[in-house]
Each structure stands twice: as C-alpha cells, then as structure tokens.
PDB file of N, CA and C in Angstrom:
ATOM      1  N   MET A   1       3.183 -10.181  -1.963  1.00  0.00           N
ATOM      2  CA  MET A   1       1.845 -10.183  -1.512  1.00  0.00           C
ATOM      3  C   MET A   1       2.087 -10.266   0.009  1.00  0.00           C
ATOM      4  N   LYS A   2       0.922  -9.327   0.674  1.00  0.00           N
ATOM      5  CA  LYS A   2       0.808  -9.197   2.235  1.00  0.00           C
ATOM      6  C   LYS A   2      -0.642  -9.348   2.483  1.00  0.00           C
ATOM      7  N   ILE A   3      -1.092 -10.029   3.326  1.00  0.00           N
ATOM      8  CA  ILE A   3      -2.478 -10.399   3.789  1.00  0.00           C
ATOM      9  C   ILE A   3      -2.402  -9.869   5.275  1.00  0.00           C
ATOM     10  N   THR A   4      -3.356  -8.939   5.544  1.00  0.00           N
ATOM     11  CA  THR A   4      -3.686  -8.655   6.838  1.00  0.00           C
ATOM     12  C   THR A   4      -5.310  -8.572   7.141  1.00  0.00           C
ATOM     13  N   TYR A   5      -5.631  -8.829   8.392  1.00  0.00           N
ATOM     14  CA  TYR A   5      -7.025  -8.749   8.740  1.00  0.00           C
ATOM     15  C   TYR A   5      -7.236  -7.620   9.932  1.00  0.00           C
ATOM     16  N   ASP A   6      -7.977  -6.701   9.902  1.00  0.00           N
ATOM     17  CA  ASP A   6      -8.397  -5.787  10.919  1.00  0.00           C
ATOM     18  C   ASP A   6      -9.549  -6.242  11.559  1.00  0.00           C
ATOM     19  N   LYS A   7      -9.566  -6.743  12.611  1.00  0.00           N
ATOM     20  CA  LYS A   7     -10.655  -7.261  13.393  1.00  0.00           C
ATOM     21  C   LYS A   7     -11.579  -6.174  13.858  1.00  0.00           C
ATOM     22  N   THR A   8     -10.974  -4.969  14.085  1.00  0.00           N
ATOM     23  CA  THR A   8     -12.051  -3.799  14.629  1.00  0.00           C
ATOM     24  C   THR A   8     -13.182  -3.302  13.783  1.00  0.00           C
ATOM     25  N   VAL A   9     -12.756  -3.587  12.265  1.00  0.00           N
ATOM     26  CA  VAL A   9     -13.691  -3.258  11.313  1.00  0.00           C
ATOM     27  C   VAL A   9     -14.078  -4.452  10.390  1.00  0.00           C
ATOM     28  N   ASP A  10     -13.589  -5.708  10.822  1.00  0.00           N
ATOM     29  CA  ASP A  10     -13.752  -6.896  10.124  1.00  0.00           C
ATOM     30  C   ASP A  10     -13.432  -6.727   8.662  1.00  0.00           C
ATOM     31  N   ALA A  11     -12.237  -6.433   8.557  1.00  0.00           N
ATOM     32  CA  ALA A  11     -11.906  -6.107   6.839  1.00  0.00           C
ATOM     33  C   ALA A  11     -10.495  -7.048   6.582  1.00  0.00           C
ATOM     34  N   LEU A  12     -10.617  -7.581   5.681  1.00  0.00           N
ATOM     35  CA  LEU A  12      -9.358  -8.398   5.064  1.00  0.00           C
ATOM     36  C   LEU A  12      -8.858  -7.514   3.996  1.00  0.00           C
ATOM     37  N   ASN A  13      -7.419  -7.375   4.144  1.00  0.00           N
ATOM     38  CA  ASN A  13      -6.545  -6.502   3.238  1.00  0.00           C
ATOM     39  C   ASN A  13      -5.631  -7.325   2.586  1.00  0.00           C
ATOM     40  N   VAL A  14      -5.675  -7.191   1.218  1.00  0.00           N
ATOM     41  CA  VAL A  14      -4.427  -7.954   0.468  1.00  0.00           C
ATOM     42  C   VAL A  14      -3.761  -6.999  -0.309  1.00  0.00           C
ATOM     43  N   THR A  15      -2.511  -6.807  -0.160  1.00  0.00           N
ATOM     44  CA  THR A  15      -1.706  -6.084  -1.010  1.00  0.00           C
ATOM     45  C   THR A  15      -0.906  -6.890  -1.908  1.00  0.00           C
ATOM     46  N   LEU A  16      -1.185  -6.703  -3.153  1.00  0.00           N
ATOM     47  CA  LEU A  16      -0.670  -7.480  -4.284  1.00  0.00           C
ATOM     48  C   LEU A  16       0.649  -6.959  -4.754  1.00  0.00           C
ATOM     49  N   ARG A  17       1.072  -5.755  -4.763  1.00  0.00           N
ATOM     50  CA  ARG A  17       2.199  -5.186  -5.253  1.00  0.00           C
ATOM     51  C   ARG A  17       2.527  -3.758  -4.661  1.00  0.00           C
ATOM     52  N   ARG A  18       3.601  -3.258  -4.546  1.00  0.00           N
ATOM     53  CA  ARG A  18       3.927  -1.922  -4.054  1.00  0.00           C
ATOM     54  C   ARG A  18       3.507  -0.923  -5.174  1.00  0.00           C
ATOM     55  N   GLY A  19       3.042   0.284  -4.572  1.00  0.00           N
ATOM     56  CA  GLY A  19       2.596   1.191  -5.583  1.00  0.00           C
ATOM     57  C   GLY A  19       1.638   2.249  -5.124  1.00  0.00           C
ATOM     58  N   ALA A  20       1.764   3.488  -5.599  1.00  0.00           N
ATOM     59  CA  ALA A  20       0.781   4.501  -5.151  1.00  0.00           C
ATOM     60  C   ALA A  20      -0.551   4.207  -5.690  1.00  0.00           C
ATOM     61  N   VAL A  21      -1.753   4.392  -5.039  1.00  0.00           N
ATOM     62  CA  VAL A  21      -2.923   4.057  -5.389  1.00  0.00           C
ATOM     63  C   VAL A  21      -3.336   5.442  -6.250  1.00  0.00           C
ATOM     64  N   ALA A  22      -3.717   5.226  -7.617  1.00  0.00           N
ATOM     65  CA  ALA A  22      -4.263   6.221  -8.414  1.00  0.00           C
ATOM     66  C   ALA A  22      -5.961   6.404  -8.498  1.00  0.00           C
ATOM     67  N   ARG A  23      -6.518   5.284  -8.227  1.00  0.00           N
ATOM     68  CA  ARG A  23      -8.042   5.196  -8.093  1.00  0.00           C
ATOM     69  C   ARG A  23      -8.378   3.959  -7.581  1.00  0.00           C
ATOM     70  N   THR A  24      -9.665   4.151  -6.787  1.00  0.00           N
ATOM     71  CA  THR A  24     -10.213   2.950  -6.027  1.00  0.00           C
ATOM     72  C   THR A  24     -11.583   2.699  -6.772  1.00  0.00           C
ATOM     73  N   ILE A  25     -12.131   1.461  -6.962  1.00  0.00           N
ATOM     74  CA  ILE A  25     -13.485   1.111  -7.433  1.00  0.00           C
ATOM     75  C   ILE A  25     -14.130   0.074  -6.411  1.00  0.00           C
ATOM     76  N   GLU A  26     -15.355   0.353  -6.356  1.00  0.00           N
ATOM     77  CA  GLU A  26     -16.217  -0.798  -5.459  1.00  0.00           C
ATOM     78  C   GLU A  26     -16.367  -1.934  -6.475  1.00  0.00           C
ATOM     79  N   PHE A  27     -15.630  -2.915  -6.490  1.00  0.00           N
ATOM     80  CA  PHE A  27     -15.845  -4.086  -7.495  1.00  0.00           C
ATOM     81  C   PHE A  27     -17.130  -4.786  -7.240  1.00  0.00           C
ATOM     82  N   ALA A  28     -17.569  -5.047  -5.961  1.00  0.00           N
ATOM     83  CA  ALA A  28     -18.736  -5.721  -5.654  1.00  0.00           C
ATOM     84  C   ALA A  28     -19.132  -4.955  -4.320  1.00  0.00           C
ATOM     85  N   PRO A  29     -20.258  -5.406  -3.871  1.00  0.00           N
ATOM     86  CA  PRO A  29     -20.710  -4.719  -2.407  1.00  0.00           C
ATOM     87  C   PRO A  29     -19.715  -5.176  -1.366  1.00  0.00           C
ATOM     88  N   ASP A  30     -18.999  -4.282  -0.856  1.00  0.00           N
ATOM     89  CA  ASP A  30     -17.863  -4.580   0.244  1.00  0.00           C
ATOM     90  C   ASP A  30     -16.595  -4.998  -0.148  1.00  0.00           C
ATOM     91  N   VAL A  31     -16.413  -4.836  -1.567  1.00  0.00           N
ATOM     92  CA  VAL A  31     -15.022  -5.221  -2.050  1.00  0.00           C
ATOM     93  C   VAL A  31     -14.560  -4.187  -2.780  1.00  0.00           C
ATOM     94  N   MET A  32     -13.334  -3.371  -2.281  1.00  0.00           N
ATOM     95  CA  MET A  32     -12.690  -2.488  -3.084  1.00  0.00           C
ATOM     96  C   MET A  32     -11.499  -2.763  -3.523  1.00  0.00           C
ATOM     97  N   LEU A  33     -11.115  -2.307  -4.849  1.00  0.00           N
ATOM     98  CA  LEU A  33      -9.996  -2.442  -5.518  1.00  0.00           C
ATOM     99  C   LEU A  33      -9.208  -1.379  -5.750  1.00  0.00           C
ATOM    100  N   ASP A  34      -7.882  -1.219  -5.394  1.00  0.00           N
ATOM    101  CA  ASP A  34      -7.103  -0.019  -5.811  1.00  0.00           C
ATOM    102  C   ASP A  34      -6.069  -0.321  -6.758  1.00  0.00           C
ATOM    103  N   PHE A  35      -5.978   0.638  -7.803  1.00  0.00           N
ATOM    104  CA  PHE A  35      -5.331   0.571  -8.859  1.00  0.00           C
ATOM    105  C   PHE A  35      -4.114   1.599  -8.844  1.00  0.00           C
ATOM    106  N   ASP A  36      -2.859   1.157  -9.518  1.00  0.00           N
ATOM    107  CA  ASP A  36      -1.904   2.216  -9.808  1.00  0.00           C
ATOM    108  C   ASP A  36      -2.346   3.022 -11.002  1.00  0.00           C
ATOM    109  N   LYS A  37      -1.283   3.818 -11.358  1.00  0.00           N
ATOM    110  CA  LYS A  37      -1.458   4.812 -12.518  1.00  0.00           C
ATOM    111  C   LYS A  37      -1.594   4.134 -13.787  1.00  0.00           C
ATOM    112  N   LYS A  38      -0.851   2.671 -13.789  1.00  0.00           N
ATOM    113  CA  LYS A  38      -0.745   2.042 -15.004  1.00  0.00           C
ATOM    114  C   LYS A  38      -2.076   0.885 -15.226  1.00  0.00           C
ATOM    115  N   GLY A  39      -3.087   1.156 -13.994  1.00  0.00           N
ATOM    116  CA  GLY A  39      -4.171   0.330 -14.206  1.00  0.00           C
ATOM    117  C   GLY A  39      -4.044  -1.128 -13.526  1.00  0.00           C
ATOM    118  N   ASN A  40      -2.794  -1.407 -12.908  1.00  0.00           N
ATOM    119  CA  ASN A  40      -2.663  -2.593 -12.187  1.00  0.00           C
ATOM    120  C   ASN A  40      -3.197  -2.591 -10.734  1.00  0.00           C
ATOM    121  N   VAL A  41      -4.087  -3.804 -10.379  1.00  0.00           N
ATOM    122  CA  VAL A  41      -4.478  -3.870  -8.983  1.00  0.00           C
ATOM    123  C   VAL A  41      -3.376  -3.906  -8.158  1.00  0.00           C
ATOM    124  N   VAL A  42      -3.392  -3.129  -7.016  1.00  0.00           N
ATOM    125  CA  VAL A  42      -2.231  -2.988  -6.054  1.00  0.00           C
ATOM    126  C   VAL A  42      -2.817  -3.404  -4.634  1.00  0.00           C
ATOM    127  N   HIS A  43      -4.117  -3.413  -4.444  1.00  0.00           N
ATOM    128  CA  HIS A  43      -4.623  -3.604  -3.206  1.00  0.00           C
ATOM    129  C   HIS A  43      -6.264  -4.136  -3.151  1.00  0.00           C
ATOM    130  N   VAL A  44      -6.450  -5.095  -2.394  1.00  0.00           N
ATOM    131  CA  VAL A  44      -7.978  -5.637  -2.386  1.00  0.00           C
ATOM    132  C   VAL A  44      -8.398  -5.538  -0.823  1.00  0.00           C
ATOM    133  N   GLU A  45      -9.595  -4.858  -0.643  1.00  0.00           N
ATOM    134  CA  GLU A  45     -10.123  -4.659   0.696  1.00  0.00           C
ATOM    135  C   GLU A  45     -11.474  -5.325   0.724  1.00  0.00           C
ATOM    136  N   ILE A  46     -11.589  -6.490   1.624  1.00  0.00           N
ATOM    137  CA  ILE A  46     -13.141  -7.007   1.556  1.00  0.00           C
ATOM    138  C   ILE A  46     -13.531  -6.522   2.973  1.00  0.00           C
ATOM    139  N   ILE A  47     -14.573  -6.006   3.079  1.00  0.00           N
ATOM    140  CA  ILE A  47     -15.369  -5.519   4.432  1.00  0.00           C
ATOM    141  C   ILE A  47     -16.281  -6.511   4.766  1.00  0.00           C
ATOM    142  N   GLY A  48     -16.405  -6.936   6.006  1.00  0.00           N
ATOM    143  CA  GLY A  48     -17.177  -7.812   6.555  1.00  0.00           C
ATOM    144  C   GLY A  48     -16.823  -9.373   6.168  1.00  0.00           C
ATOM    145  N   SER A  49     -15.357  -9.449   5.962  1.00  0.00           N
ATOM    146  CA  SER A  49     -14.793 -10.655   5.462  1.00  0.00           C
ATOM    147  C   SER A  49     -15.068 -11.878   6.451  1.00  0.00           C
ATOM    148  N   GLY A  50     -15.313 -11.564   7.734  1.00  0.00           N
ATOM    149  CA  GLY A  50     -15.529 -12.548   8.811  1.00  0.00           C
ATOM    150  C   GLY A  50     -16.992 -13.441   8.514  1.00  0.00           C
ATOM    151  N   GLU A  51     -17.937 -12.571   7.887  1.00  0.00           N
ATOM    152  CA  GLU A  51     -19.355 -13.191   7.606  1.00  0.00           C
ATOM    153  C   GLU A  51     -19.296 -13.776   6.231  1.00  0.00           C
ATOM    154  N   LYS A  52     -18.290 -13.357   5.301  1.00  0.00           N
ATOM    155  CA  LYS A  52     -18.186 -14.071   4.115  1.00  0.00           C
ATOM    156  C   LYS A  52     -17.520 -15.124   3.925  1.00  0.00           C
ATOM    157  N   PHE A  53     -16.343 -15.286   4.887  1.00  0.00           N
ATOM    158  CA  PHE A  53     -15.486 -16.536   4.476  1.00  0.00           C
ATOM    159  C   PHE A  53     -15.607 -17.489   5.865  1.00  0.00           C
TER     160      PHE A  53
END
C-alpha cells in the first residue's frame, strides 16, 4: 500500500495494489475508486481530503 497527498489539488491518493485500472466509479461525492479487470480495488482518491480529515 502507498499513500500520497497532492496539496496542489487537495487530494489523498491510496494505492492498494499494483495493476492496470479497468474502470473508475465515483463511490461517494469526491471519492473515486479504481478497479482492475478482476474487480479488485487498486486505487482510492479522495478530493478535498484536507477539508474532510
């Protein structure tokens, strides 16, 4: 797992596993989930995380 924060856009990025992204969904407002072709979550992005946490 790798966690990074991009302060220029206030986004928290969590990479859970390696793999190519096959699809992305908006799980909740400002929360994006990336899935691989097997349906595993590979990446989570939270926009505006500085305001939320």
